[in-house]
Structure formats: C-alpha cells, structure tokens
C-alpha cells in the first residue's frame, strides 16, 4: 500500500502499464476490478437500503460526538 501521494501515483501508473489503461480498446485495470467486484456483490444492506445507511451513519456520527464530549 502506498504511503505517499507520489508512491500511489507510481503504483497506479504501473498497474495501467501492466494491465491496460483503456486507450487501445481494452478494459482498464480499474474497470476490471470494478466489474469483478460488481459480479460478486450480493447487493446487501448499504447498497440497497438508503434509509438504513443514513440511520447507521447518524448513529455512528453521534457515537463519535458523544465520545468527544465526555
């Protein structure tokens, strides 16, 4: 895992060079990853139920704020 912005950009360039960048009609490296993840996704709670995601975000945020006040 890259620890600096420069290292991350270098890793991204390497991935594009090795696995394709999408310029020659092939699928880009990051598109391939997204497609594979999308295929195995089961469409569970946060992806399907927006109200549930909002509620959990509210609860998590309030827990963090309460901890800071104490």
N, C-alpha and C. Protein backbone atom coordinates (compact mmCIF):
# COMPACT_ATOMS: atom_id res chain seq x y z
N UNK A 1 0.84 -1.18 0.00
CA UNK A 1 0.00 0.00 0.00
C UNK A 1 0.88 1.24 0.00
N UNK A 2 0.52 2.19 -0.85
CA UNK A 2 1.31 3.41 -0.97
C UNK A 2 1.13 4.28 0.27
N UNK A 3 2.22 4.82 0.75
CA UNK A 3 2.16 5.67 1.94
C UNK A 3 2.19 7.15 1.60
N UNK A 4 2.58 7.48 0.38
CA UNK A 4 2.61 8.88 -0.03
C UNK A 4 1.86 9.03 -1.35
N UNK A 5 1.51 10.25 -1.70
CA UNK A 5 0.80 10.51 -2.96
C UNK A 5 1.66 10.09 -4.15
N UNK A 6 2.96 10.40 -4.09
CA UNK A 6 3.85 10.06 -5.20
C UNK A 6 3.92 8.55 -5.40
N UNK A 7 3.99 7.80 -4.30
CA UNK A 7 4.04 6.34 -4.40
C UNK A 7 2.73 5.79 -4.96
N UNK A 8 1.61 6.40 -4.58
CA UNK A 8 0.32 5.97 -5.12
C UNK A 8 0.21 6.22 -6.60
N UNK A 9 0.68 7.37 -7.06
CA UNK A 9 0.66 7.67 -8.49
C UNK A 9 1.57 6.74 -9.27
N UNK A 10 2.71 6.39 -8.68
CA UNK A 10 3.63 5.47 -9.32
C UNK A 10 3.02 4.07 -9.42
N UNK A 11 2.33 3.63 -8.36
CA UNK A 11 1.67 2.33 -8.37
C UNK A 11 0.54 2.30 -9.40
N UNK A 12 -0.22 3.39 -9.50
CA UNK A 12 -1.31 3.46 -10.47
C UNK A 12 -0.75 3.40 -11.89
N UNK A 13 0.35 4.09 -12.14
CA UNK A 13 0.97 4.05 -13.46
C UNK A 13 1.45 2.65 -13.80
N UNK A 14 2.02 1.97 -12.82
CA UNK A 14 2.49 0.60 -13.03
C UNK A 14 1.32 -0.32 -13.34
N UNK A 15 0.22 -0.18 -12.62
CA UNK A 15 -0.96 -1.01 -12.88
C UNK A 15 -1.50 -0.78 -14.28
N UNK A 16 -1.55 0.48 -14.70
CA UNK A 16 -2.04 0.78 -16.05
C UNK A 16 -1.11 0.21 -17.11
N UNK A 17 0.19 0.28 -16.87
CA UNK A 17 1.17 -0.24 -17.83
C UNK A 17 1.07 -1.77 -17.94
N UNK A 18 0.94 -2.44 -16.82
CA UNK A 18 0.88 -3.90 -16.81
C UNK A 18 -0.44 -4.45 -17.34
N UNK A 19 -1.54 -3.85 -16.91
CA UNK A 19 -2.85 -4.46 -17.14
C UNK A 19 -3.72 -3.70 -18.13
N UNK A 20 -3.24 -2.62 -18.68
CA UNK A 20 -4.00 -1.87 -19.67
C UNK A 20 -4.61 -0.62 -19.07
N UNK A 21 -4.65 0.43 -19.90
CA UNK A 21 -5.18 1.70 -19.42
C UNK A 21 -6.46 2.09 -20.13
N UNK A 22 -6.96 1.24 -21.02
CA UNK A 22 -8.23 1.52 -21.68
C UNK A 22 -8.11 2.34 -22.94
N UNK A 23 -6.90 2.69 -23.37
CA UNK A 23 -6.76 3.54 -24.55
C UNK A 23 -6.81 2.76 -25.85
N UNK A 24 -6.45 1.50 -25.85
CA UNK A 24 -6.40 0.72 -27.08
C UNK A 24 -7.62 -0.19 -27.24
N UNK A 25 -8.72 0.18 -26.66
CA UNK A 25 -9.93 -0.62 -26.77
C UNK A 25 -10.07 -1.68 -25.70
N UNK A 26 -9.00 -1.96 -24.96
CA UNK A 26 -9.09 -2.93 -23.87
C UNK A 26 -9.69 -2.26 -22.64
N UNK A 27 -10.11 -3.08 -21.73
CA UNK A 27 -10.70 -2.56 -20.50
C UNK A 27 -9.58 -2.12 -19.56
N UNK A 28 -9.75 -0.99 -18.89
CA UNK A 28 -8.72 -0.52 -17.98
C UNK A 28 -8.64 -1.40 -16.74
N UNK A 29 -7.52 -1.34 -16.07
CA UNK A 29 -7.28 -2.13 -14.87
C UNK A 29 -8.34 -1.87 -13.81
N UNK A 30 -8.68 -0.60 -13.60
CA UNK A 30 -9.62 -0.25 -12.55
C UNK A 30 -11.05 -0.62 -12.95
N UNK A 31 -11.35 -0.60 -14.24
CA UNK A 31 -12.66 -1.06 -14.71
C UNK A 31 -12.81 -2.56 -14.50
N UNK A 32 -11.72 -3.29 -14.72
CA UNK A 32 -11.75 -4.74 -14.50
C UNK A 32 -12.03 -5.06 -13.04
N UNK A 33 -11.38 -4.35 -12.14
CA UNK A 33 -11.61 -4.57 -10.71
C UNK A 33 -13.06 -4.26 -10.35
N UNK A 34 -13.57 -3.14 -10.83
CA UNK A 34 -14.94 -2.76 -10.54
C UNK A 34 -15.94 -3.77 -11.07
N UNK A 35 -15.70 -4.31 -12.27
CA UNK A 35 -16.59 -5.31 -12.84
C UNK A 35 -16.58 -6.58 -12.01
N UNK A 36 -15.40 -7.02 -11.59
CA UNK A 36 -15.30 -8.25 -10.79
C UNK A 36 -16.00 -8.09 -9.44
N UNK A 37 -15.82 -6.95 -8.81
CA UNK A 37 -16.47 -6.71 -7.51
C UNK A 37 -17.98 -6.65 -7.69
N UNK A 38 -18.42 -6.01 -8.76
CA UNK A 38 -19.85 -5.91 -9.03
C UNK A 38 -20.49 -7.27 -9.25
N UNK A 39 -19.76 -8.19 -9.86
CA UNK A 39 -20.31 -9.52 -10.10
C UNK A 39 -20.50 -10.31 -8.80
N UNK A 40 -19.59 -10.16 -7.86
CA UNK A 40 -19.68 -10.93 -6.62
C UNK A 40 -20.52 -10.23 -5.56
N UNK A 41 -20.86 -8.96 -5.80
CA UNK A 41 -21.67 -8.22 -4.84
C UNK A 41 -23.04 -8.85 -4.71
N UNK A 42 -23.53 -8.93 -3.52
CA UNK A 42 -24.84 -9.52 -3.27
C UNK A 42 -25.91 -8.46 -3.12
N UNK A 43 -25.53 -7.19 -3.23
CA UNK A 43 -26.48 -6.11 -3.06
C UNK A 43 -27.03 -6.07 -1.65
N UNK A 44 -26.13 -6.05 -0.69
CA UNK A 44 -26.56 -6.11 0.70
C UNK A 44 -26.97 -4.74 1.23
N UNK A 45 -27.17 -4.62 2.49
CA UNK A 45 -27.88 -3.53 3.13
C UNK A 45 -27.52 -2.12 2.67
N UNK A 46 -26.26 -1.72 2.73
CA UNK A 46 -25.92 -0.33 2.43
C UNK A 46 -26.13 -0.01 0.96
N UNK A 47 -25.92 -0.98 0.09
CA UNK A 47 -26.09 -0.74 -1.35
C UNK A 47 -27.56 -0.64 -1.73
N UNK A 48 -28.43 -1.32 -1.02
CA UNK A 48 -29.83 -1.41 -1.40
C UNK A 48 -30.72 -0.49 -0.58
N UNK A 49 -30.48 -0.41 0.70
CA UNK A 49 -31.37 0.29 1.63
C UNK A 49 -30.77 1.64 2.04
N UNK A 50 -31.12 2.69 1.33
CA UNK A 50 -30.56 4.02 1.60
C UNK A 50 -30.93 4.51 3.00
N UNK A 51 -32.16 4.28 3.41
CA UNK A 51 -32.60 4.74 4.74
C UNK A 51 -31.79 4.07 5.85
N UNK A 52 -31.50 2.79 5.68
CA UNK A 52 -30.68 2.08 6.66
C UNK A 52 -29.27 2.69 6.73
N UNK A 53 -28.68 2.98 5.56
CA UNK A 53 -27.35 3.57 5.54
C UNK A 53 -27.33 4.93 6.22
N UNK A 54 -28.36 5.74 5.98
CA UNK A 54 -28.44 7.06 6.62
C UNK A 54 -28.55 6.91 8.13
N UNK A 55 -29.39 5.99 8.58
CA UNK A 55 -29.58 5.77 10.02
C UNK A 55 -28.29 5.31 10.69
N UNK A 56 -27.57 4.38 10.06
CA UNK A 56 -26.33 3.89 10.64
C UNK A 56 -25.27 4.99 10.66
N UNK A 57 -25.23 5.84 9.63
CA UNK A 57 -24.31 6.96 9.62
C UNK A 57 -24.61 7.94 10.74
N UNK A 58 -25.90 8.17 10.99
CA UNK A 58 -26.30 9.06 12.07
C UNK A 58 -25.88 8.49 13.41
N UNK A 59 -26.11 7.19 13.61
CA UNK A 59 -25.74 6.57 14.88
C UNK A 59 -24.23 6.59 15.09
N UNK A 60 -23.48 6.29 14.04
CA UNK A 60 -22.02 6.30 14.15
C UNK A 60 -21.50 7.69 14.45
N UNK A 61 -22.06 8.69 13.77
CA UNK A 61 -21.63 10.07 14.00
C UNK A 61 -21.96 10.54 15.39
N UNK A 62 -23.12 10.16 15.89
CA UNK A 62 -23.49 10.59 17.24
C UNK A 62 -22.63 9.90 18.29
N UNK A 63 -22.24 8.67 18.03
CA UNK A 63 -21.37 7.96 18.98
C UNK A 63 -20.01 8.63 19.06
N UNK A 64 -19.50 9.09 17.94
CA UNK A 64 -18.21 9.77 17.92
C UNK A 64 -18.32 11.11 18.63
N UNK A 65 -19.39 11.83 18.37
CA UNK A 65 -19.56 13.14 19.03
C UNK A 65 -19.75 12.99 20.53
N UNK A 66 -20.49 11.96 20.95
CA UNK A 66 -20.69 11.74 22.39
C UNK A 66 -19.37 11.41 23.07
N UNK A 67 -18.51 10.66 22.40
CA UNK A 67 -17.24 10.30 23.00
C UNK A 67 -16.36 11.53 23.18
N UNK A 68 -16.43 12.46 22.25
CA UNK A 68 -15.62 13.67 22.36
C UNK A 68 -16.08 14.56 23.51
N UNK A 69 -17.40 14.60 23.75
CA UNK A 69 -17.93 15.45 24.82
C UNK A 69 -17.54 14.95 26.20
N UNK A 70 -17.42 13.64 26.33
CA UNK A 70 -17.17 13.05 27.64
C UNK A 70 -15.77 13.27 28.13
